[in-house]
């Protein structure tokens, strides 16, 4: 599910701390809208 992946991305980002490069996320499929909101 895209929303689970999106939450995983957010959690991973916070665990690593400062990531010095921009991150672009494209999620498509199940719960993609909810994922974009997260």
ModelCIF file with pLDDT and N, C-alpha, C, O atoms, coordinates in Angstrom:
data_MODEL
#
_entry.id   MODEL 
#
_entity.id                         1 
_entity.type                       polymer 
_entity.pdbx_number_of_molecules   1 
#
_entity_poly.entity_id                      1 
_entity_poly.type                           'polypeptide(L)' 
_entity_poly.nstd_linkage                   no 
_entity_poly.nstd_monomer                   no 
_entity_poly.pdbx_seq_one_letter_code       
;(UNK)(UNK)(UNK)(UNK)(UNK)(UNK)(UNK)(UNK)(UNK)(UNK)(UNK)(UNK)(UNK)(UNK)(UNK)(UNK)
(UNK)(UNK)(UNK)(UNK)(UNK)(UNK)(UNK)(UNK)(UNK)(UNK)(UNK)(UNK)(UNK)(UNK)(UNK)(UNK)
(UNK)(UNK)(UNK)(UNK)(UNK)(UNK)
;
_entity_poly.pdbx_seq_one_letter_code_can   XXXXXXXXXXXXXXXXXXXXXXXXXXXXXXXXXXXXXX 
_entity_poly.pdbx_strand_id                 A 
#
loop_
_entity_poly_seq.entity_id 
_entity_poly_seq.num 
_entity_poly_seq.mon_id 
_entity_poly_seq.hetero 
1 1  UNK n 
1 2  UNK n 
1 3  UNK n 
1 4  UNK n 
1 5  UNK n 
1 6  UNK n 
1 7  UNK n 
1 8  UNK n 
1 9  UNK n 
1 10 UNK n 
1 11 UNK n 
1 12 UNK n 
1 13 UNK n 
1 14 UNK n 
1 15 UNK n 
1 16 UNK n 
1 17 UNK n 
1 18 UNK n 
1 19 UNK n 
1 20 UNK n 
1 21 UNK n 
1 22 UNK n 
1 23 UNK n 
1 24 UNK n 
1 25 UNK n 
1 26 UNK n 
1 27 UNK n 
1 28 UNK n 
1 29 UNK n 
1 30 UNK n 
1 31 UNK n 
1 32 UNK n 
1 33 UNK n 
1 34 UNK n 
1 35 UNK n 
1 36 UNK n 
1 37 UNK n 
1 38 UNK n 
#
_struct_asym.id          A 
_struct_asym.entity_id   1 
#
loop_
_ma_qa_metric.id 
_ma_qa_metric.mode 
_ma_qa_metric.name 
_ma_qa_metric.software_group_id 
_ma_qa_metric.type 
1 global pLDDT . pLDDT 
2 local  pLDDT . pLDDT 
#
_ma_qa_metric_global.metric_id      1 
_ma_qa_metric_global.metric_value   84.97 
_ma_qa_metric_global.model_id       1 
_ma_qa_metric_global.ordinal_id     1 
#
loop_
_ma_qa_metric_local.label_asym_id 
_ma_qa_metric_local.label_comp_id 
_ma_qa_metric_local.label_seq_id 
_ma_qa_metric_local.metric_id 
_ma_qa_metric_local.metric_value 
_ma_qa_metric_local.model_id 
_ma_qa_metric_local.ordinal_id 
A UNK 1  2 82.00 1 1  
A UNK 2  2 84.00 1 2  
A UNK 3  2 85.00 1 3  
A UNK 4  2 82.00 1 4  
A UNK 5  2 81.00 1 5  
A UNK 6  2 84.00 1 6  
A UNK 7  2 85.00 1 7  
A UNK 8  2 82.00 1 8  
A UNK 9  2 84.00 1 9  
A UNK 10 2 87.00 1 10 
A UNK 11 2 86.00 1 11 
A UNK 12 2 83.00 1 12 
A UNK 13 2 85.00 1 13 
A UNK 14 2 86.00 1 14 
A UNK 15 2 86.00 1 15 
A UNK 16 2 84.00 1 16 
A UNK 17 2 81.00 1 17 
A UNK 18 2 78.00 1 18 
A UNK 19 2 83.00 1 19 
A UNK 20 2 85.00 1 20 
A UNK 21 2 87.00 1 21 
A UNK 22 2 88.00 1 22 
A UNK 23 2 88.00 1 23 
A UNK 24 2 89.00 1 24 
A UNK 25 2 87.00 1 25 
A UNK 26 2 87.00 1 26 
A UNK 27 2 83.00 1 27 
A UNK 28 2 85.00 1 28 
A UNK 29 2 85.00 1 29 
A UNK 30 2 85.00 1 30 
A UNK 31 2 86.00 1 31 
A UNK 32 2 84.00 1 32 
A UNK 33 2 86.00 1 33 
A UNK 34 2 88.00 1 34 
A UNK 35 2 86.00 1 35 
A UNK 36 2 85.00 1 36 
A UNK 37 2 88.00 1 37 
A UNK 38 2 89.00 1 38 
#
loop_
_atom_site.group_PDB 
_atom_site.id 
_atom_site.type_symbol 
_atom_site.label_atom_id 
_atom_site.label_alt_id 
_atom_site.label_comp_id 
_atom_site.label_asym_id 
_atom_site.label_entity_id 
_atom_site.label_seq_id 
_atom_site.pdbx_PDB_ins_code 
_atom_site.Cartn_x 
_atom_site.Cartn_y 
_atom_site.Cartn_z 
_atom_site.occupancy 
_atom_site.B_iso_or_equiv 
_atom_site.pdbx_formal_charge 
_atom_site.auth_seq_id 
_atom_site.auth_comp_id 
_atom_site.auth_asym_id 
_atom_site.auth_atom_id 
_atom_site.pdbx_PDB_model_num 
ATOM 1   N N  . UNK A 1 1  ? 0.828  -1.202 0.000  1.00 82.00 ? 1  UNK A N  1 
ATOM 2   C CA . UNK A 1 1  ? 0.000  0.000  0.000  1.00 82.00 ? 1  UNK A CA 1 
ATOM 3   C C  . UNK A 1 1  ? 0.859  1.247  0.000  1.00 82.00 ? 1  UNK A C  1 
ATOM 4   O O  . UNK A 1 1  ? 1.847  1.320  0.730  1.00 82.00 ? 1  UNK A O  1 
ATOM 5   N N  . UNK A 1 2  ? 0.494  2.233  -0.813 1.00 84.00 ? 2  UNK A N  1 
ATOM 6   C CA . UNK A 1 2  ? 1.287  3.452  -0.961 1.00 84.00 ? 2  UNK A CA 1 
ATOM 7   C C  . UNK A 1 2  ? 1.377  4.245  0.339  1.00 84.00 ? 2  UNK A C  1 
ATOM 8   O O  . UNK A 1 2  ? 2.415  4.837  0.637  1.00 84.00 ? 2  UNK A O  1 
ATOM 9   N N  . UNK A 1 3  ? 0.283  4.259  1.120  1.00 85.00 ? 3  UNK A N  1 
ATOM 10  C CA . UNK A 1 3  ? 0.325  5.040  2.361  1.00 85.00 ? 3  UNK A CA 1 
ATOM 11  C C  . UNK A 1 3  ? 1.337  4.460  3.352  1.00 85.00 ? 3  UNK A C  1 
ATOM 12  O O  . UNK A 1 3  ? 1.972  5.203  4.100  1.00 85.00 ? 3  UNK A O  1 
ATOM 13  N N  . UNK A 1 4  ? 1.485  3.143  3.354  1.00 82.00 ? 4  UNK A N  1 
ATOM 14  C CA . UNK A 1 4  ? 2.485  2.522  4.233  1.00 82.00 ? 4  UNK A CA 1 
ATOM 15  C C  . UNK A 1 4  ? 3.900  2.887  3.772  1.00 82.00 ? 4  UNK A C  1 
ATOM 16  O O  . UNK A 1 4  ? 4.778  3.144  4.595  1.00 82.00 ? 4  UNK A O  1 
ATOM 17  N N  . UNK A 1 5  ? 4.114  2.909  2.459  1.00 81.00 ? 5  UNK A N  1 
ATOM 18  C CA . UNK A 1 5  ? 5.420  3.294  1.929  1.00 81.00 ? 5  UNK A CA 1 
ATOM 19  C C  . UNK A 1 5  ? 5.715  4.750  2.269  1.00 81.00 ? 5  UNK A C  1 
ATOM 20  O O  . UNK A 1 5  ? 6.828  5.091  2.670  1.00 81.00 ? 5  UNK A O  1 
ATOM 21  N N  . UNK A 1 6  ? 4.703  5.609  2.104  1.00 84.00 ? 6  UNK A N  1 
ATOM 22  C CA . UNK A 1 6  ? 4.874  7.030  2.402  1.00 84.00 ? 6  UNK A CA 1 
ATOM 23  C C  . UNK A 1 6  ? 5.248  7.229  3.867  1.00 84.00 ? 6  UNK A C  1 
ATOM 24  O O  . UNK A 1 6  ? 6.135  8.023  4.183  1.00 84.00 ? 6  UNK A O  1 
ATOM 25  N N  . UNK A 1 7  ? 4.574  6.509  4.760  1.00 85.00 ? 7  UNK A N  1 
ATOM 26  C CA . UNK A 1 7  ? 4.905  6.614  6.179  1.00 85.00 ? 7  UNK A CA 1 
ATOM 27  C C  . UNK A 1 7  ? 6.319  6.101  6.435  1.00 85.00 ? 7  UNK A C  1 
ATOM 28  O O  . UNK A 1 7  ? 7.050  6.643  7.263  1.00 85.00 ? 7  UNK A O  1 
ATOM 29  N N  . UNK A 1 8  ? 6.693  5.043  5.708  1.00 82.00 ? 8  UNK A N  1 
ATOM 30  C CA . UNK A 1 8  ? 8.053  4.516  5.829  1.00 82.00 ? 8  UNK A CA 1 
ATOM 31  C C  . UNK A 1 8  ? 9.096  5.528  5.390  1.00 82.00 ? 8  UNK A C  1 
ATOM 32  O O  . UNK A 1 8  ? 10.157 5.632  6.004  1.00 82.00 ? 8  UNK A O  1 
ATOM 33  N N  . UNK A 1 9  ? 8.803  6.277  4.330  1.00 84.00 ? 9  UNK A N  1 
ATOM 34  C CA . UNK A 1 9  ? 9.725  7.307  3.840  1.00 84.00 ? 9  UNK A CA 1 
ATOM 35  C C  . UNK A 1 9  ? 9.887  8.412  4.883  1.00 84.00 ? 9  UNK A C  1 
ATOM 36  O O  . UNK A 1 9  ? 10.999 8.856  5.165  1.00 84.00 ? 9  UNK A O  1 
ATOM 37  N N  . UNK A 1 10 ? 8.765  8.847  5.448  1.00 87.00 ? 10 UNK A N  1 
ATOM 38  C CA . UNK A 1 10 ? 8.800  9.901  6.467  1.00 87.00 ? 10 UNK A CA 1 
ATOM 39  C C  . UNK A 1 10 ? 9.578  9.433  7.700  1.00 87.00 ? 10 UNK A C  1 
ATOM 40  O O  . UNK A 1 10 ? 10.406 10.172 8.232  1.00 87.00 ? 10 UNK A O  1 
ATOM 41  N N  . UNK A 1 11 ? 9.308  8.206  8.150  1.00 86.00 ? 11 UNK A N  1 
ATOM 42  C CA . UNK A 1 11 ? 9.997  7.667  9.331  1.00 86.00 ? 11 UNK A CA 1 
ATOM 43  C C  . UNK A 1 11 ? 11.495 7.520  9.069  1.00 86.00 ? 11 UNK A C  1 
ATOM 44  O O  . UNK A 1 11 ? 12.320 7.838  9.925  1.00 86.00 ? 11 UNK A O  1 
ATOM 45  N N  . UNK A 1 12 ? 11.835 7.033  7.873  1.00 83.00 ? 12 UNK A N  1 
ATOM 46  C CA . UNK A 1 12 ? 13.240 6.849  7.527  1.00 83.00 ? 12 UNK A CA 1 
ATOM 47  C C  . UNK A 1 12 ? 13.964 8.185  7.485  1.00 83.00 ? 12 UNK A C  1 
ATOM 48  O O  . UNK A 1 12 ? 15.085 8.306  7.978  1.00 83.00 ? 12 UNK A O  1 
ATOM 49  N N  . UNK A 1 13 ? 13.323 9.183  6.897  1.00 85.00 ? 13 UNK A N  1 
ATOM 50  C CA . UNK A 1 13 ? 13.895 10.535 6.810  1.00 85.00 ? 13 UNK A CA 1 
ATOM 51  C C  . UNK A 1 13 ? 14.204 11.054 8.212  1.00 85.00 ? 13 UNK A C  1 
ATOM 52  O O  . UNK A 1 13 ? 15.285 11.588 8.458  1.00 85.00 ? 13 UNK A O  1 
ATOM 53  N N  . UNK A 1 14 ? 13.240 10.892 9.136  1.00 86.00 ? 14 UNK A N  1 
ATOM 54  C CA . UNK A 1 14 ? 13.424 11.390 10.514 1.00 86.00 ? 14 UNK A CA 1 
ATOM 55  C C  . UNK A 1 14 ? 14.519 10.619 11.237 1.00 86.00 ? 14 UNK A C  1 
ATOM 56  O O  . UNK A 1 14 ? 15.255 11.200 12.034 1.00 86.00 ? 14 UNK A O  1 
ATOM 57  N N  . UNK A 1 15 ? 14.642 9.311  10.970 1.00 86.00 ? 15 UNK A N  1 
ATOM 58  C CA . UNK A 1 15 ? 15.676 8.498  11.620 1.00 86.00 ? 15 UNK A CA 1 
ATOM 59  C C  . UNK A 1 15 ? 17.072 8.892  11.165 1.00 86.00 ? 15 UNK A C  1 
ATOM 60  O O  . UNK A 1 15 ? 18.015 8.906  11.956 1.00 86.00 ? 15 UNK A O  1 
ATOM 61  N N  . UNK A 1 16 ? 17.193 9.209  9.889  1.00 84.00 ? 16 UNK A N  1 
ATOM 62  C CA . UNK A 1 16 ? 18.503 9.584  9.340  1.00 84.00 ? 16 UNK A CA 1 
ATOM 63  C C  . UNK A 1 16 ? 18.894 10.983 9.799  1.00 84.00 ? 16 UNK A C  1 
ATOM 64  O O  . UNK A 1 16 ? 20.068 11.263 10.042 1.00 84.00 ? 16 UNK A O  1 
ATOM 65  N N  . UNK A 1 17 ? 17.892 11.863 9.915  1.00 81.00 ? 17 UNK A N  1 
ATOM 66  C CA . UNK A 1 17 ? 18.180 13.251 10.282 1.00 81.00 ? 17 UNK A CA 1 
ATOM 67  C C  . UNK A 1 17 ? 18.189 14.113 9.040  1.00 81.00 ? 17 UNK A C  1 
ATOM 68  O O  . UNK A 1 17 ? 17.289 14.022 8.205  1.00 81.00 ? 17 UNK A O  1 
ATOM 69  N N  . UNK A 1 18 ? 19.196 14.944 8.918  1.00 78.00 ? 18 UNK A N  1 
ATOM 70  C CA . UNK A 1 18 ? 19.250 15.856 7.770  1.00 78.00 ? 18 UNK A CA 1 
ATOM 71  C C  . UNK A 1 18 ? 19.724 15.125 6.524  1.00 78.00 ? 18 UNK A C  1 
ATOM 72  O O  . UNK A 1 18 ? 20.810 14.546 6.505  1.00 78.00 ? 18 UNK A O  1 
ATOM 73  N N  . UNK A 1 19 ? 18.902 15.158 5.493  1.00 83.00 ? 19 UNK A N  1 
ATOM 74  C CA . UNK A 1 19 ? 19.296 14.603 4.193  1.00 83.00 ? 19 UNK A CA 1 
ATOM 75  C C  . UNK A 1 19 ? 19.594 15.792 3.282  1.00 83.00 ? 19 UNK A C  1 
ATOM 76  O O  . UNK A 1 19 ? 18.702 16.592 2.999  1.00 83.00 ? 19 UNK A O  1 
ATOM 77  N N  . UNK A 1 20 ? 20.830 15.914 2.825  1.00 85.00 ? 20 UNK A N  1 
ATOM 78  C CA . UNK A 1 20 ? 21.276 17.143 2.157  1.00 85.00 ? 20 UNK A CA 1 
ATOM 79  C C  . UNK A 1 20 ? 20.791 17.341 0.724  1.00 85.00 ? 20 UNK A C  1 
ATOM 80  O O  . UNK A 1 20 ? 21.084 18.371 0.118  1.00 85.00 ? 20 UNK A O  1 
ATOM 81  N N  . UNK A 1 21 ? 20.064 16.386 0.175  1.00 87.00 ? 21 UNK A N  1 
ATOM 82  C CA . UNK A 1 21 ? 19.605 16.510 -1.219 1.00 87.00 ? 21 UNK A CA 1 
ATOM 83  C C  . UNK A 1 21 ? 18.080 16.443 -1.260 1.00 87.00 ? 21 UNK A C  1 
ATOM 84  O O  . UNK A 1 21 ? 17.468 15.808 -0.400 1.00 87.00 ? 21 UNK A O  1 
ATOM 85  N N  . UNK A 1 22 ? 17.455 17.095 -2.253 1.00 88.00 ? 22 UNK A N  1 
ATOM 86  C CA . UNK A 1 22 ? 15.995 17.026 -2.364 1.00 88.00 ? 22 UNK A CA 1 
ATOM 87  C C  . UNK A 1 22 ? 15.523 15.616 -2.705 1.00 88.00 ? 22 UNK A C  1 
ATOM 88  O O  . UNK A 1 22 ? 16.210 14.869 -3.401 1.00 88.00 ? 22 UNK A O  1 
ATOM 89  N N  . UNK A 1 23 ? 14.337 15.264 -2.203 1.00 88.00 ? 23 UNK A N  1 
ATOM 90  C CA . UNK A 1 23 ? 13.753 13.954 -2.448 1.00 88.00 ? 23 UNK A CA 1 
ATOM 91  C C  . UNK A 1 23 ? 12.418 14.141 -3.154 1.00 88.00 ? 23 UNK A C  1 
ATOM 92  O O  . UNK A 1 23 ? 11.557 14.889 -2.690 1.00 88.00 ? 23 UNK A O  1 
ATOM 93  N N  . UNK A 1 24 ? 12.257 13.463 -4.264 1.00 89.00 ? 24 UNK A N  1 
ATOM 94  C CA . UNK A 1 24 ? 11.010 13.520 -5.028 1.00 89.00 ? 24 UNK A CA 1 
ATOM 95  C C  . UNK A 1 24 ? 10.372 12.139 -4.934 1.00 89.00 ? 24 UNK A C  1 
ATOM 96  O O  . UNK A 1 24 ? 11.005 11.131 -5.247 1.00 89.00 ? 24 UNK A O  1 
ATOM 97  N N  . UNK A 1 25 ? 9.129  12.104 -4.506 1.00 87.00 ? 25 UNK A N  1 
ATOM 98  C CA . UNK A 1 25 ? 8.436  10.837 -4.306 1.00 87.00 ? 25 UNK A CA 1 
ATOM 99  C C  . UNK A 1 25 ? 7.258  10.740 -5.264 1.00 87.00 ? 25 UNK A C  1 
ATOM 100 O O  . UNK A 1 25 ? 6.401  11.624 -5.292 1.00 87.00 ? 25 UNK A O  1 
ATOM 101 N N  . UNK A 1 26 ? 7.213  9.682  -6.037 1.00 87.00 ? 26 UNK A N  1 
ATOM 102 C CA . UNK A 1 26 ? 6.068  9.407  -6.907 1.00 87.00 ? 26 UNK A CA 1 
ATOM 103 C C  . UNK A 1 26 ? 5.475  8.077  -6.478 1.00 87.00 ? 26 UNK A C  1 
ATOM 104 O O  . UNK A 1 26 ? 6.099  7.030  -6.656 1.00 87.00 ? 26 UNK A O  1 
ATOM 105 N N  . UNK A 1 27 ? 4.281  8.110  -5.918 1.00 83.00 ? 27 UNK A N  1 
ATOM 106 C CA . UNK A 1 27 ? 3.588  6.909  -5.468 1.00 83.00 ? 27 UNK A CA 1 
ATOM 107 C C  . UNK A 1 27 ? 2.319  6.742  -6.293 1.00 83.00 ? 27 UNK A C  1 
ATOM 108 O O  . UNK A 1 27 ? 1.521  7.671  -6.415 1.00 83.00 ? 27 UNK A O  1 
ATOM 109 N N  . UNK A 1 28 ? 2.139  5.566  -6.852 1.00 85.00 ? 28 UNK A N  1 
ATOM 110 C CA . UNK A 1 28 ? 0.970  5.309  -7.691 1.00 85.00 ? 28 UNK A CA 1 
ATOM 111 C C  . UNK A 1 28 ? 0.413  3.935  -7.339 1.00 85.00 ? 28 UNK A C  1 
ATOM 112 O O  . UNK A 1 28 ? 1.165  2.982  -7.133 1.00 85.00 ? 28 UNK A O  1 
ATOM 113 N N  . UNK A 1 29 ? -0.915 3.844  -7.274 1.00 85.00 ? 29 UNK A N  1 
ATOM 114 C CA . UNK A 1 29 ? -1.523 2.560  -6.958 1.00 85.00 ? 29 UNK A CA 1 
ATOM 115 C C  . UNK A 1 29 ? -2.445 2.654  -5.760 1.00 85.00 ? 29 UNK A C  1 
ATOM 116 O O  . UNK A 1 29 ? -3.106 3.671  -5.554 1.00 85.00 ? 29 UNK A O  1 
ATOM 117 N N  . UNK A 1 30 ? -2.490 1.595  -4.970 1.00 85.00 ? 30 UNK A N  1 
ATOM 118 C CA . UNK A 1 30 ? -3.397 1.517  -3.823 1.00 85.00 ? 30 UNK A CA 1 
ATOM 119 C C  . UNK A 1 30 ? -3.102 2.615  -2.798 1.00 85.00 ? 30 UNK A C  1 
ATOM 120 O O  . UNK A 1 30 ? -1.980 2.730  -2.304 1.00 85.00 ? 30 UNK A O  1 
ATOM 121 N N  . UNK A 1 31 ? -4.128 3.423  -2.484 1.00 86.00 ? 31 UNK A N  1 
ATOM 122 C CA . UNK A 1 31 ? -4.030 4.505  -1.495 1.00 86.00 ? 31 UNK A CA 1 
ATOM 123 C C  . UNK A 1 31 ? -2.993 5.558  -1.875 1.00 86.00 ? 31 UNK A C  1 
ATOM 124 O O  . UNK A 1 31 ? -2.326 6.112  -1.001 1.00 86.00 ? 31 UNK A O  1 
ATOM 125 N N  . UNK A 1 32 ? -2.851 5.839  -3.167 1.00 84.00 ? 32 UNK A N  1 
ATOM 126 C CA . UNK A 1 32 ? -1.882 6.838  -3.625 1.00 84.00 ? 32 UNK A CA 1 
ATOM 127 C C  . UNK A 1 32 ? -2.243 8.238  -3.136 1.00 84.00 ? 32 UNK A C  1 
ATOM 128 O O  . UNK A 1 32 ? -1.356 9.020  -2.796 1.00 84.00 ? 32 UNK A O  1 
ATOM 129 N N  . UNK A 1 33 ? -3.537 8.561  -3.095 1.00 86.00 ? 33 UNK A N  1 
ATOM 130 C CA . UNK A 1 33 ? -3.971 9.896  -2.653 1.00 86.00 ? 33 UNK A CA 1 
ATOM 131 C C  . UNK A 1 33 ? -3.619 10.106 -1.182 1.00 86.00 ? 33 UNK A C  1 
ATOM 132 O O  . UNK A 1 33 ? -3.100 11.155 -0.800 1.00 86.00 ? 33 UNK A O  1 
ATOM 133 N N  . UNK A 1 34 ? -3.909 9.093  -0.362 1.00 88.00 ? 34 UNK A N  1 
ATOM 134 C CA . UNK A 1 34 ? -3.572 9.184  1.058  1.00 88.00 ? 34 UNK A CA 1 
ATOM 135 C C  . UNK A 1 34 ? -2.056 9.311  1.249  1.00 88.00 ? 34 UNK A C  1 
ATOM 136 O O  . UNK A 1 34 ? -1.584 10.029 2.129  1.00 88.00 ? 34 UNK A O  1 
ATOM 137 N N  . UNK A 1 35 ? -1.317 8.604  0.411  1.00 86.00 ? 35 UNK A N  1 
ATOM 138 C CA . UNK A 1 35 ? 0.148  8.647  0.496  1.00 86.00 ? 35 UNK A CA 1 
ATOM 139 C C  . UNK A 1 35 ? 0.677  10.044 0.196  1.00 86.00 ? 35 UNK A C  1 
ATOM 140 O O  . UNK A 1 35 ? 1.574  10.536 0.881  1.00 86.00 ? 35 UNK A O  1 
ATOM 141 N N  . UNK A 1 36 ? 0.118  10.679 -0.826 1.00 85.00 ? 36 UNK A N  1 
ATOM 142 C CA . UNK A 1 36 ? 0.547  12.040 -1.189 1.00 85.00 ? 36 UNK A CA 1 
ATOM 143 C C  . UNK A 1 36 ? 0.285  13.002 -0.040 1.00 85.00 ? 36 UNK A C  1 
ATOM 144 O O  . UNK A 1 36 ? 1.088  13.896 0.227  1.00 85.00 ? 36 UNK A O  1 
ATOM 145 N N  . UNK A 1 37 ? -0.832 12.815 0.632  1.00 88.00 ? 37 UNK A N  1 
ATOM 146 C CA . UNK A 1 37 ? -1.175 13.693 1.758  1.00 88.00 ? 37 UNK A CA 1 
ATOM 147 C C  . UNK A 1 37 ? -0.172 13.525 2.899  1.00 88.00 ? 37 UNK A C  1 
ATOM 148 O O  . UNK A 1 37 ? 0.234  14.502 3.528  1.00 88.00 ? 37 UNK A O  1 
ATOM 149 N N  . UNK A 1 38 ? 0.229  12.264 3.162  1.00 89.00 ? 38 UNK A N  1 
ATOM 150 C CA . UNK A 1 38 ? 1.219  12.011 4.231  1.00 89.00 ? 38 UNK A CA 1 
ATOM 151 C C  . UNK A 1 38 ? 2.531  12.719 3.915  1.00 89.00 ? 38 UNK A C  1 
ATOM 152 O O  . UNK A 1 38 ? 3.484  12.628 4.689  1.00 89.00 ? 38 UNK A O  1 
#
